[in-house]
Amino acid sequence: MLFLIALVLAILVLPSPWGIVAVVTAIVLDLIEVGVGLWWNRRRKATVGVELLIGVTGIAVGELRPVGQVKLNGEIWNAHCEDGCDAGATVIVRAIDGLTLSVAPV
């Protein structure tokens, strides 16, 4: 947008050497703005995907001997627990296999 404003000013208002300076300055500022925007977006990690569930704690909905269901962040997931645990026990997600979580009691 800044480039377009500078271009209009260069064509209609500014004398010859200053029009070129205005256009070049606008291009440089636009490139800096795009670079800062790209840097800002890449510095944050994604907040989506099942990989983010690893390390999250949840509650066993029923007995996990060795399969059952757990509730994580308001969602119910199928789970597999090698050690087994009772209903209502707190579990932590260790791995993910498809749509089944591998959990362990805390």
Protein backbone atom coordinates (compact mmCIF):
# COMPACT_ATOMS: atom_id res chain seq x y z
CA MET A 1 0.00 0.00 0.00
CA LEU A 2 2.84 2.34 0.86
CA PHE A 3 4.38 1.65 -2.55
CA LEU A 4 1.16 2.61 -4.34
CA ILE A 5 0.89 5.87 -2.41
CA ALA A 6 4.52 6.72 -3.22
CA LEU A 7 3.97 5.88 -6.87
CA VAL A 8 0.94 8.17 -7.12
CA LEU A 9 2.85 10.95 -5.35
CA ALA A 10 5.85 10.44 -7.64
CA ILE A 11 3.73 10.69 -10.79
CA LEU A 12 1.38 13.51 -9.79
CA VAL A 13 3.03 15.65 -7.11
CA LEU A 14 6.76 15.27 -6.51
CA PRO A 15 9.47 16.71 -8.78
CA SER A 16 11.73 14.33 -10.72
CA PRO A 17 14.51 13.29 -8.32
CA TRP A 18 12.22 13.16 -5.25
CA GLY A 19 9.68 10.91 -6.93
CA ILE A 20 12.29 8.23 -7.48
CA VAL A 21 13.50 8.55 -3.88
CA ALA A 22 9.92 8.19 -2.60
CA VAL A 23 9.27 5.06 -4.69
CA VAL A 24 12.56 3.38 -3.71
CA THR A 25 11.99 4.21 -0.03
CA ALA A 26 8.47 2.78 -0.19
CA ILE A 27 9.73 -0.44 -1.78
CA VAL A 28 12.39 -0.86 0.91
CA LEU A 29 9.90 -0.22 3.71
CA ASP A 30 7.41 -2.69 2.17
CA LEU A 31 10.10 -5.38 1.95
CA ILE A 32 11.10 -4.79 5.58
CA GLU A 33 7.45 -5.04 6.61
CA VAL A 34 7.03 -8.36 4.78
CA GLY A 35 10.26 -9.72 6.31
CA VAL A 36 9.17 -8.79 9.84
CA GLY A 37 5.75 -10.34 9.23
CA LEU A 38 7.26 -13.62 8.04
CA TRP A 39 9.65 -13.71 11.00
CA TRP A 40 6.78 -13.03 13.43
CA ASN A 41 4.68 -15.89 12.04
CA ARG A 42 7.50 -18.43 12.01
CA ARG A 43 8.64 -17.83 15.58
CA ARG A 44 5.53 -19.43 17.07
CA LYS A 45 4.98 -23.18 17.22
CA ALA A 46 1.86 -24.68 15.74
CA THR A 47 -0.93 -25.22 18.23
CA VAL A 48 -2.72 -27.96 16.32
CA GLY A 49 -2.15 -31.66 15.77
CA VAL A 50 -2.18 -34.80 17.84
CA GLU A 51 1.55 -34.49 18.60
CA LEU A 52 0.67 -31.78 21.10
CA LEU A 53 -1.16 -34.34 23.24
CA ILE A 54 2.08 -36.06 24.29
CA GLY A 55 2.76 -35.14 27.90
CA VAL A 56 -0.81 -33.99 28.61
CA THR A 57 -2.56 -35.43 31.65
CA GLY A 58 -6.12 -36.72 31.57
CA ILE A 59 -8.63 -38.78 33.50
CA ALA A 60 -9.51 -42.41 32.79
CA VAL A 61 -13.22 -42.60 31.92
CA GLY A 62 -13.37 -46.32 32.63
CA GLU A 63 -10.92 -49.02 33.59
CA LEU A 64 -7.88 -49.29 31.35
CA ARG A 65 -7.03 -53.00 31.44
CA PRO A 66 -5.27 -52.57 28.98
CA VAL A 67 -7.71 -50.68 26.69
CA GLY A 68 -10.37 -48.12 27.51
CA GLN A 69 -11.05 -44.42 27.22
CA VAL A 70 -9.55 -41.27 28.69
CA LYS A 71 -10.76 -37.68 28.79
CA LEU A 72 -8.25 -35.02 27.69
CA ASN A 73 -9.13 -31.33 27.37
CA GLY A 74 -12.84 -32.15 27.23
CA GLU A 75 -12.45 -34.84 24.54
CA ILE A 76 -12.75 -38.58 25.00
CA TRP A 77 -10.02 -40.68 23.35
CA ASN A 78 -9.43 -44.42 23.02
CA ALA A 79 -6.43 -45.37 25.10
CA HIS A 80 -4.10 -48.25 25.82
CA CYS A 81 -2.36 -48.61 29.19
CA GLU A 82 0.22 -51.38 29.67
CA ASP A 83 0.15 -51.14 33.48
CA GLY A 84 -3.62 -50.74 33.66
CA CYS A 85 -5.47 -48.29 35.89
CA ASP A 86 -8.87 -47.77 37.49
CA ALA A 87 -11.64 -45.41 36.41
CA GLY A 88 -11.01 -41.84 37.53
CA ALA A 89 -7.24 -42.28 37.72
CA THR A 90 -5.00 -39.55 36.37
CA VAL A 91 -2.95 -40.66 33.36
CA ILE A 92 -0.34 -39.03 31.14
CA VAL A 93 -0.05 -39.49 27.38
CA ARG A 94 3.24 -41.15 26.38
CA ALA A 95 2.67 -41.86 22.66
CA ILE A 96 0.06 -41.82 19.92
CA ASP A 97 -0.76 -44.64 17.50
CA GLY A 98 -3.38 -43.50 15.01
CA LEU A 99 -6.36 -42.44 17.12
CA THR A 100 -5.33 -44.50 20.15
CA LEU A 101 -3.30 -42.92 22.93
CA SER A 102 -0.67 -44.87 24.86
CA VAL A 103 -0.96 -43.71 28.46
CA ALA A 104 0.60 -44.44 31.83
CA PRO A 105 -0.75 -43.78 35.31
CA VAL A 106 0.71 -40.74 37.08
